[in-house]
């Protein structure tokens, strides 16, 4: 069974959204949460506390978190 993904598991760090339990990073490359660069970290793997997070659940929650927390324009890629 996969672990529950919640908004409080995310943080914005230098223009990226980080899923804190897994270390996964999502970096929007435009104003759209659909256009991202992803580093999956430990998604779909057992982490130190025994939980496993499903990729689709983390990605869906990240997009929601990004849209809700976006008060500044994401960094543009040159």
Protein backbone atom coordinates (compact mmCIF):
# COMPACT_ATOMS: atom_id res chain seq x y z
CA UNK A 1 0.00 0.00 0.00
CA UNK A 2 1.27 3.46 -0.90
CA UNK A 3 1.65 6.29 1.61
CA UNK A 4 -0.68 9.29 1.60
CA UNK A 5 0.68 12.43 -0.07
CA UNK A 6 -0.21 15.74 1.59
CA UNK A 7 0.51 19.41 0.83
CA UNK A 8 2.59 19.78 4.01
CA UNK A 9 5.12 17.34 2.54
CA UNK A 10 6.18 19.94 -0.05
CA UNK A 11 8.40 22.98 0.09
CA UNK A 12 9.51 25.58 -2.44
CA UNK A 13 13.29 25.72 -2.67
CA UNK A 14 15.03 28.03 -5.14
CA UNK A 15 12.30 27.88 -7.79
CA UNK A 16 11.64 24.15 -7.39
CA UNK A 17 9.02 22.22 -5.46
CA UNK A 18 10.55 19.48 -3.28
CA UNK A 19 8.67 16.48 -1.90
CA UNK A 20 10.40 16.35 1.48
CA UNK A 21 9.94 12.65 2.34
CA UNK A 22 11.45 11.40 -0.94
CA UNK A 23 13.69 14.27 -1.99
CA UNK A 24 11.94 14.40 -5.37
CA UNK A 25 12.28 17.76 -7.11
CA UNK A 26 9.98 19.38 -9.64
CA UNK A 27 11.20 22.48 -11.43
CA UNK A 28 8.67 24.31 -13.60
CA UNK A 29 10.21 25.58 -16.82
CA UNK A 30 7.33 27.88 -17.75
CA UNK A 31 4.32 29.40 -16.05
CA UNK A 32 2.47 26.11 -16.49
CA UNK A 33 2.71 23.38 -13.83
CA UNK A 34 2.50 20.96 -16.77
CA UNK A 35 5.93 21.98 -18.07
CA UNK A 36 8.47 20.64 -15.58
CA UNK A 37 11.82 19.00 -15.12
CA UNK A 38 11.64 16.13 -12.63
CA UNK A 39 14.17 14.37 -10.45
CA UNK A 40 12.26 11.48 -8.85
CA UNK A 41 14.34 11.03 -5.71
CA UNK A 42 13.07 8.01 -3.77
CA UNK A 43 9.55 7.92 -5.24
CA UNK A 44 8.33 4.31 -5.63
CA UNK A 45 11.09 3.09 -3.25
CA UNK A 46 10.94 2.30 0.45
CA UNK A 47 12.25 5.31 2.40
CA UNK A 48 13.89 5.24 5.86
CA UNK A 49 10.57 5.25 7.76
CA UNK A 50 9.17 2.37 5.68
CA UNK A 51 6.78 4.37 3.50
CA UNK A 52 6.50 4.14 -0.28
CA UNK A 53 5.03 7.00 -2.32
CA UNK A 54 3.37 6.44 -5.69
CA UNK A 55 4.77 8.61 -8.51
CA UNK A 56 1.37 9.64 -9.89
CA UNK A 57 0.14 10.69 -6.42
CA UNK A 58 3.25 12.78 -5.72
CA UNK A 59 3.14 14.41 -9.17
CA UNK A 60 -0.56 15.25 -8.84
CA UNK A 61 -0.06 16.75 -5.35
CA UNK A 62 3.02 18.67 -6.51
CA UNK A 63 1.04 20.28 -9.31
CA UNK A 64 -1.70 21.30 -6.87
CA UNK A 65 0.87 22.61 -4.39
CA UNK A 66 2.63 24.59 -7.14
CA UNK A 67 -0.60 26.18 -8.33
CA UNK A 68 -1.73 27.04 -4.78
CA UNK A 69 1.63 28.39 -3.60
CA UNK A 70 2.71 30.18 -6.74
CA UNK A 71 2.86 33.84 -5.86
CA UNK A 72 5.90 34.57 -7.97
CA UNK A 73 6.73 33.74 -11.55
CA UNK A 74 8.86 30.59 -11.88
CA UNK A 75 12.41 31.04 -13.07
CA UNK A 76 12.78 30.98 -16.84
CA UNK A 77 15.17 28.61 -18.49
CA UNK A 78 17.44 30.35 -20.96
